[in-house]
Amino acid sequence: MFLDDDEVIRLTGKERARSQQKALNKMGIPFRVRADGKTLVLRDAAQAFFDAPAKPAAKVFRLNLSNA
């Protein structure tokens, strides 16, 4: 049902709960915080993150002054 503590650490690369939560927010993975401050992540939510297609890279615009 939920990822265990070690799985959350491997997923986020962070050991502290607040840092895990910041990493999960950046990844767009939903989570809840228990009363004791621990991070809860549904196993299905983590799996959906890995199953989702990667976002295309953002376009980079460059100013062309060669004709100026």
PDB file of N, CA and C in Angstrom:
ATOM      1  N   MET A   1       0.820  -1.178   0.000  1.00  0.00           N
ATOM      2  CA  MET A   1       0.000   0.000   0.000  1.00  0.00           C
ATOM      3  C   MET A   1       0.870   1.251   0.000  1.00  0.00           C
ATOM      4  N   PHE A   2       1.741   1.424   1.020  1.00  0.00           N
ATOM      5  CA  PHE A   2       2.641   2.568   1.096  1.00  0.00           C
ATOM      6  C   PHE A   2       4.077   2.108   0.919  1.00  0.00           C
ATOM      7  N   LEU A   3       4.932   3.016   0.415  1.00  0.00           N
ATOM      8  CA  LEU A   3       6.355   2.726   0.360  1.00  0.00           C
ATOM      9  C   LEU A   3       6.891   2.698   1.788  1.00  0.00           C
ATOM     10  N   ASP A   4       7.867   1.810   2.039  1.00  0.00           N
ATOM     11  CA  ASP A   4       8.469   1.825   3.371  1.00  0.00           C
ATOM     12  C   ASP A   4       9.523   2.935   3.427  1.00  0.00           C
ATOM     13  N   ASP A   5      10.074   3.174   4.611  1.00  0.00           N
ATOM     14  CA  ASP A   5      11.015   4.282   4.805  1.00  0.00           C
ATOM     15  C   ASP A   5      12.207   4.197   3.858  1.00  0.00           C
ATOM     16  N   ASP A   6      12.773   3.005   3.681  1.00  0.00           N
ATOM     17  CA  ASP A   6      13.934   2.835   2.806  1.00  0.00           C
ATOM     18  C   ASP A   6      13.582   3.127   1.352  1.00  0.00           C
ATOM     19  N   GLU A   7      12.391   2.751   0.923  1.00  0.00           N
ATOM     20  CA  GLU A   7      11.971   3.012  -0.452  1.00  0.00           C
ATOM     21  C   GLU A   7      11.780   4.502  -0.706  1.00  0.00           C
ATOM     22  N   VAL A   8      11.262   5.215   0.278  1.00  0.00           N
ATOM     23  CA  VAL A   8      11.101   6.669   0.140  1.00  0.00           C
ATOM     24  C   VAL A   8      12.472   7.325   0.040  1.00  0.00           C
ATOM     25  N   ILE A   9      13.428   6.841   0.823  1.00  0.00           N
ATOM     26  CA  ILE A   9      14.793   7.381   0.771  1.00  0.00           C
ATOM     27  C   ILE A   9      15.406   7.119  -0.604  1.00  0.00           C
ATOM     28  N   ARG A  10      15.239   5.905  -1.127  1.00  0.00           N
ATOM     29  CA  ARG A  10      15.789   5.587  -2.458  1.00  0.00           C
ATOM     30  C   ARG A  10      15.111   6.404  -3.548  1.00  0.00           C
ATOM     31  N   LEU A  11      13.817   6.595  -3.427  1.00  0.00           N
ATOM     32  CA  LEU A  11      13.068   7.352  -4.424  1.00  0.00           C
ATOM     33  C   LEU A  11      13.504   8.810  -4.462  1.00  0.00           C
ATOM     34  N   THR A  12      13.661   9.420  -3.297  1.00  0.00           N
ATOM     35  CA  THR A  12      13.957  10.854  -3.223  1.00  0.00           C
ATOM     36  C   THR A  12      15.439  11.160  -3.110  1.00  0.00           C
ATOM     37  N   GLY A  13      16.211  10.197  -2.614  1.00  0.00           N
ATOM     38  CA  GLY A  13      17.628  10.454  -2.362  1.00  0.00           C
ATOM     39  C   GLY A  13      17.845  11.277  -1.107  1.00  0.00           C
ATOM     40  N   LYS A  14      16.817  11.405  -0.294  1.00  0.00           N
ATOM     41  CA  LYS A  14      16.870  12.239   0.921  1.00  0.00           C
ATOM     42  C   LYS A  14      16.475  11.417   2.132  1.00  0.00           C
ATOM     43  N   GLU A  15      17.102  11.710   3.273  1.00  0.00           N
ATOM     44  CA  GLU A  15      16.781  10.990   4.506  1.00  0.00           C
ATOM     45  C   GLU A  15      15.815  11.757   5.400  1.00  0.00           C
ATOM     46  N   ARG A  16      15.887  13.064   5.391  1.00  0.00           N
ATOM     47  CA  ARG A  16      15.004  13.870   6.239  1.00  0.00           C
ATOM     48  C   ARG A  16      13.640  14.036   5.574  1.00  0.00           C
ATOM     49  N   ALA A  17      12.599  13.968   6.402  1.00  0.00           N
ATOM     50  CA  ALA A  17      11.226  14.005   5.896  1.00  0.00           C
ATOM     51  C   ALA A  17      10.947  15.275   5.101  1.00  0.00           C
ATOM     52  N   ARG A  18      11.362  16.421   5.594  1.00  0.00           N
ATOM     53  CA  ARG A  18      11.082  17.690   4.896  1.00  0.00           C
ATOM     54  C   ARG A  18      11.770  17.712   3.535  1.00  0.00           C
ATOM     55  N   SER A  19      12.989  17.208   3.471  1.00  0.00           N
ATOM     56  CA  SER A  19      13.704  17.146   2.196  1.00  0.00           C
ATOM     57  C   SER A  19      13.027  16.164   1.240  1.00  0.00           C
ATOM     58  N   GLN A  20      12.528  15.064   1.775  1.00  0.00           N
ATOM     59  CA  GLN A  20      11.796  14.102   0.952  1.00  0.00           C
ATOM     60  C   GLN A  20      10.562  14.760   0.348  1.00  0.00           C
ATOM     61  N   GLN A  21       9.866  15.528   1.161  1.00  0.00           N
ATOM     62  CA  GLN A  21       8.641  16.179   0.715  1.00  0.00           C
ATOM     63  C   GLN A  21       8.927  17.200  -0.388  1.00  0.00           C
ATOM     64  N   LYS A  22      10.025  17.933  -0.264  1.00  0.00           N
ATOM     65  CA  LYS A  22      10.412  18.888  -1.305  1.00  0.00           C
ATOM     66  C   LYS A  22      10.732  18.152  -2.600  1.00  0.00           C
ATOM     67  N   ALA A  23      11.458  17.049  -2.496  1.00  0.00           N
ATOM     68  CA  ALA A  23      11.809  16.269  -3.685  1.00  0.00           C
ATOM     69  C   ALA A  23      10.563  15.688  -4.337  1.00  0.00           C
ATOM     70  N   LEU A  24       9.651  15.180  -3.539  1.00  0.00           N
ATOM     71  CA  LEU A  24       8.410  14.624  -4.080  1.00  0.00           C
ATOM     72  C   LEU A  24       7.580  15.695  -4.773  1.00  0.00           C
ATOM     73  N   ASN A  25       7.547  16.898  -4.206  1.00  0.00           N
ATOM     74  CA  ASN A  25       6.835  18.009  -4.846  1.00  0.00           C
ATOM     75  C   ASN A  25       7.428  18.309  -6.211  1.00  0.00           C
ATOM     76  N   LYS A  26       8.767  18.340  -6.311  1.00  0.00           N
ATOM     77  CA  LYS A  26       9.422  18.613  -7.583  1.00  0.00           C
ATOM     78  C   LYS A  26       9.138  17.522  -8.605  1.00  0.00           C
ATOM     79  N   MET A  27       9.006  16.289  -8.144  1.00  0.00           N
ATOM     80  CA  MET A  27       8.733  15.166  -9.042  1.00  0.00           C
ATOM     81  C   MET A  27       7.246  15.056  -9.376  1.00  0.00           C
ATOM     82  N   GLY A  28       6.413  15.777  -8.632  1.00  0.00           N
ATOM     83  CA  GLY A  28       4.975  15.724  -8.872  1.00  0.00           C
ATOM     84  C   GLY A  28       4.322  14.465  -8.324  1.00  0.00           C
ATOM     85  N   ILE A  29       4.944  13.863  -7.320  1.00  0.00           N
ATOM     86  CA  ILE A  29       4.404  12.649  -6.715  1.00  0.00           C
ATOM     87  C   ILE A  29       3.608  13.055  -5.474  1.00  0.00           C
ATOM     88  N   PRO A  30       2.325  12.714  -5.415  1.00  0.00           N
ATOM     89  CA  PRO A  30       1.523  13.078  -4.244  1.00  0.00           C
ATOM     90  C   PRO A  30       1.950  12.295  -3.007  1.00  0.00           C
ATOM     91  N   PHE A  31       1.832  12.929  -1.859  1.00  0.00           N
ATOM     92  CA  PHE A  31       2.207  12.300  -0.596  1.00  0.00           C
ATOM     93  C   PHE A  31       1.385  12.905   0.521  1.00  0.00           C
ATOM     94  N   ARG A  32       1.449  12.287   1.666  1.00  0.00           N
ATOM     95  CA  ARG A  32       0.829  12.807   2.885  1.00  0.00           C
ATOM     96  C   ARG A  32       1.872  12.792   3.984  1.00  0.00           C
ATOM     97  N   VAL A  33       1.655  13.602   5.003  1.00  0.00           N
ATOM     98  CA  VAL A  33       2.556  13.656   6.147  1.00  0.00           C
ATOM     99  C   VAL A  33       1.818  13.113   7.362  1.00  0.00           C
ATOM    100  N   ARG A  34       2.422  12.110   7.998  1.00  0.00           N
ATOM    101  CA  ARG A  34       1.810  11.546   9.201  1.00  0.00           C
ATOM    102  C   ARG A  34       1.942  12.520  10.360  1.00  0.00           C
ATOM    103  N   ALA A  35       1.235  12.238  11.437  1.00  0.00           N
ATOM    104  CA  ALA A  35       1.268  13.095  12.625  1.00  0.00           C
ATOM    105  C   ALA A  35       2.672  13.193  13.217  1.00  0.00           C
ATOM    106  N   ASP A  36       3.480  12.132  13.027  1.00  0.00           N
ATOM    107  CA  ASP A  36       4.844  12.160  13.556  1.00  0.00           C
ATOM    108  C   ASP A  36       5.836  12.788  12.576  1.00  0.00           C
ATOM    109  N   GLY A  37       5.334  13.298  11.440  1.00  0.00           N
ATOM    110  CA  GLY A  37       6.183  13.992  10.485  1.00  0.00           C
ATOM    111  C   GLY A  37       6.726  13.130   9.364  1.00  0.00           C
ATOM    112  N   LYS A  38       6.525  11.816   9.424  1.00  0.00           N
ATOM    113  CA  LYS A  38       7.032  10.934   8.373  1.00  0.00           C
ATOM    114  C   LYS A  38       6.235  11.108   7.093  1.00  0.00           C
ATOM    115  N   THR A  39       6.902  10.854   5.980  1.00  0.00           N
ATOM    116  CA  THR A  39       6.305  11.018   4.659  1.00  0.00           C
ATOM    117  C   THR A  39       5.678   9.714   4.196  1.00  0.00           C
ATOM    118  N   LEU A  40       4.410   9.776   3.783  1.00  0.00           N
ATOM    119  CA  LEU A  40       3.716   8.608   3.252  1.00  0.00           C
ATOM    120  C   LEU A  40       3.516   8.778   1.754  1.00  0.00           C
ATOM    121  N   VAL A  41       3.940   7.761   0.998  1.00  0.00           N
ATOM    122  CA  VAL A  41       3.765   7.769  -0.452  1.00  0.00           C
ATOM    123  C   VAL A  41       3.066   6.483  -0.842  1.00  0.00           C
ATOM    124  N   LEU A  42       1.958   6.606  -1.550  1.00  0.00           N
ATOM    125  CA  LEU A  42       1.278   5.416  -2.047  1.00  0.00           C
ATOM    126  C   LEU A  42       2.155   4.727  -3.089  1.00  0.00           C
ATOM    127  N   ARG A  43       2.233   3.424  -3.008  1.00  0.00           N
ATOM    128  CA  ARG A  43       3.028   2.644  -3.952  1.00  0.00           C
ATOM    129  C   ARG A  43       2.550   2.895  -5.387  1.00  0.00           C
ATOM    130  N   ASP A  44       1.222   2.986  -5.577  1.00  0.00           N
ATOM    131  CA  ASP A  44       0.671   3.232  -6.909  1.00  0.00           C
ATOM    132  C   ASP A  44       1.078   4.606  -7.446  1.00  0.00           C
ATOM    133  N   ALA A  45       1.173   5.610  -6.571  1.00  0.00           N
ATOM    134  CA  ALA A  45       1.569   6.955  -7.005  1.00  0.00           C
ATOM    135  C   ALA A  45       3.023   6.961  -7.467  1.00  0.00           C
ATOM    136  N   ALA A  46       3.878   6.256  -6.754  1.00  0.00           N
ATOM    137  CA  ALA A  46       5.282   6.167  -7.157  1.00  0.00           C
ATOM    138  C   ALA A  46       5.413   5.409  -8.471  1.00  0.00           C
ATOM    139  N   GLN A  47       4.651   4.338  -8.633  1.00  0.00           N
ATOM    140  CA  GLN A  47       4.698   3.556  -9.866  1.00  0.00           C
ATOM    141  C   GLN A  47       4.194   4.380 -11.048  1.00  0.00           C
ATOM    142  N   ALA A  48       3.162   5.177 -10.832  1.00  0.00           N
ATOM    143  CA  ALA A  48       2.621   6.024 -11.902  1.00  0.00           C
ATOM    144  C   ALA A  48       3.665   7.033 -12.372  1.00  0.00           C
ATOM    145  N   PHE A  49       4.507   7.505 -11.451  1.00  0.00           N
ATOM    146  CA  PHE A  49       5.576   8.442 -11.809  1.00  0.00           C
ATOM    147  C   PHE A  49       6.525   7.799 -12.805  1.00  0.00           C
ATOM    148  N   PHE A  50       6.874   6.545 -12.576  1.00  0.00           N
ATOM    149  CA  PHE A  50       7.814   5.866 -13.459  1.00  0.00           C
ATOM    150  C   PHE A  50       7.159   5.414 -14.756  1.00  0.00           C
ATOM    151  N   ASP A  51       5.856   5.214 -14.744  1.00  0.00           N
ATOM    152  CA  ASP A  51       5.141   4.777 -15.947  1.00  0.00           C
ATOM    153  C   ASP A  51       4.794   5.945 -16.871  1.00  0.00           C
ATOM    154  N   ALA A  52       4.794   7.163 -16.326  1.00  0.00           N
ATOM    155  CA  ALA A  52       4.400   8.334 -17.117  1.00  0.00           C
ATOM    156  C   ALA A  52       5.491   8.653 -18.141  1.00  0.00           C
ATOM    157  N   PRO A  53       5.080   9.129 -19.323  1.00  0.00           N
ATOM    158  CA  PRO A  53       6.089   9.517 -20.323  1.00  0.00           C
ATOM    159  C   PRO A  53       6.872  10.737 -19.852  1.00  0.00           C
ATOM    160  N   ALA A  54       8.113  10.805 -20.234  1.00  0.00           N
ATOM    161  CA  ALA A  54       8.963  11.931 -19.840  1.00  0.00           C
ATOM    162  C   ALA A  54       8.476  13.202 -20.520  1.00  0.00           C
ATOM    163  N   LYS A  55       8.597  14.314 -19.821  1.00  0.00           N
ATOM    164  CA  LYS A  55       8.209  15.593 -20.396  1.00  0.00           C
ATOM    165  C   LYS A  55       9.264  16.005 -21.421  1.00  0.00           C
ATOM    166  N   PRO A  56       8.829  16.581 -22.538  1.00  0.00           N
ATOM    167  CA  PRO A  56       9.816  17.039 -23.525  1.00  0.00           C
ATOM    168  C   PRO A  56      10.629  18.194 -22.957  1.00  0.00           C
ATOM    169  N   ALA A  57      11.858  18.294 -23.424  1.00  0.00           N
ATOM    170  CA  ALA A  57      12.737  19.370 -22.951  1.00  0.00           C
ATOM    171  C   ALA A  57      12.160  20.715 -23.373  1.00  0.00           C
ATOM    172  N   ALA A  58      12.318  21.697 -22.519  1.00  0.00           N
ATOM    173  CA  ALA A  58      11.828  23.038 -22.811  1.00  0.00           C
ATOM    174  C   ALA A  58      12.627  23.638 -23.962  1.00  0.00           C
ATOM    175  N   LYS A  59      11.951  24.399 -24.806  1.00  0.00           N
ATOM    176  CA  LYS A  59      12.638  25.053 -25.911  1.00  0.00           C
ATOM    177  C   LYS A  59      13.487  26.188 -25.376  1.00  0.00           C
ATOM    178  N   VAL A  60      14.651  26.319 -25.957  1.00  0.00           N
ATOM    179  CA  VAL A  60      15.551  27.402 -25.584  1.00  0.00           C
ATOM    180  C   VAL A  60      15.553  28.408 -26.719  1.00  0.00           C
ATOM    181  N   PHE A  61      15.252  29.635 -26.406  1.00  0.00           N
ATOM    182  CA  PHE A  61      15.231  30.685 -27.414  1.00  0.00           C
ATOM    183  C   PHE A  61      16.532  31.466 -27.333  1.00  0.00           C
ATOM    184  N   ARG A  62      17.108  31.693 -28.494  1.00  0.00           N
ATOM    185  CA  ARG A  62      18.367  32.441 -28.557  1.00  0.00           C
ATOM    186  C   ARG A  62      18.163  33.648 -29.471  1.00  0.00           C
ATOM    187  N   LEU A  63      18.711  34.741 -29.076  1.00  0.00           N
ATOM    188  CA  LEU A  63      18.631  35.961 -29.852  1.00  0.00           C
ATOM    189  C   LEU A  63      19.661  35.913 -30.968  1.00  0.00           C
ATOM    190  N   ASN A  64      19.223  36.079 -32.203  1.00  0.00           N
ATOM    191  CA  ASN A  64      20.113  36.037 -33.359  1.00  0.00           C
ATOM    192  C   ASN A  64      20.385  37.463 -33.786  1.00  0.00           C
ATOM    193  N   LEU A  65      21.593  37.934 -33.520  1.00  0.00           N
ATOM    194  CA  LEU A  65      21.976  39.287 -33.890  1.00  0.00           C
ATOM    195  C   LEU A  65      22.932  39.304 -35.087  1.00  0.00           C
ATOM    196  N   SER A  66      23.015  38.195 -35.807  1.00  0.00           N
ATOM    197  CA  SER A  66      23.965  38.112 -36.914  1.00  0.00           C
ATOM    198  C   SER A  66      23.587  39.026 -38.066  1.00  0.00           C
ATOM    199  N   ASN A  67      22.317  39.372 -38.233  1.00  0.00           N
ATOM    200  CA  ASN A  67      21.868  40.240 -39.308  1.00  0.00           C
ATOM    201  C   ASN A  67      21.709  41.679 -38.860  1.00  0.00           C
ATOM    202  N   ALA A  68      22.060  41.994 -37.647  1.00  0.00           N
ATOM    203  CA  ALA A  68      21.819  43.340 -37.124  1.00  0.00           C
ATOM    204  C   ALA A  68      22.898  44.306 -37.560  1.00  0.00           C
TER     205      ALA A  68
END
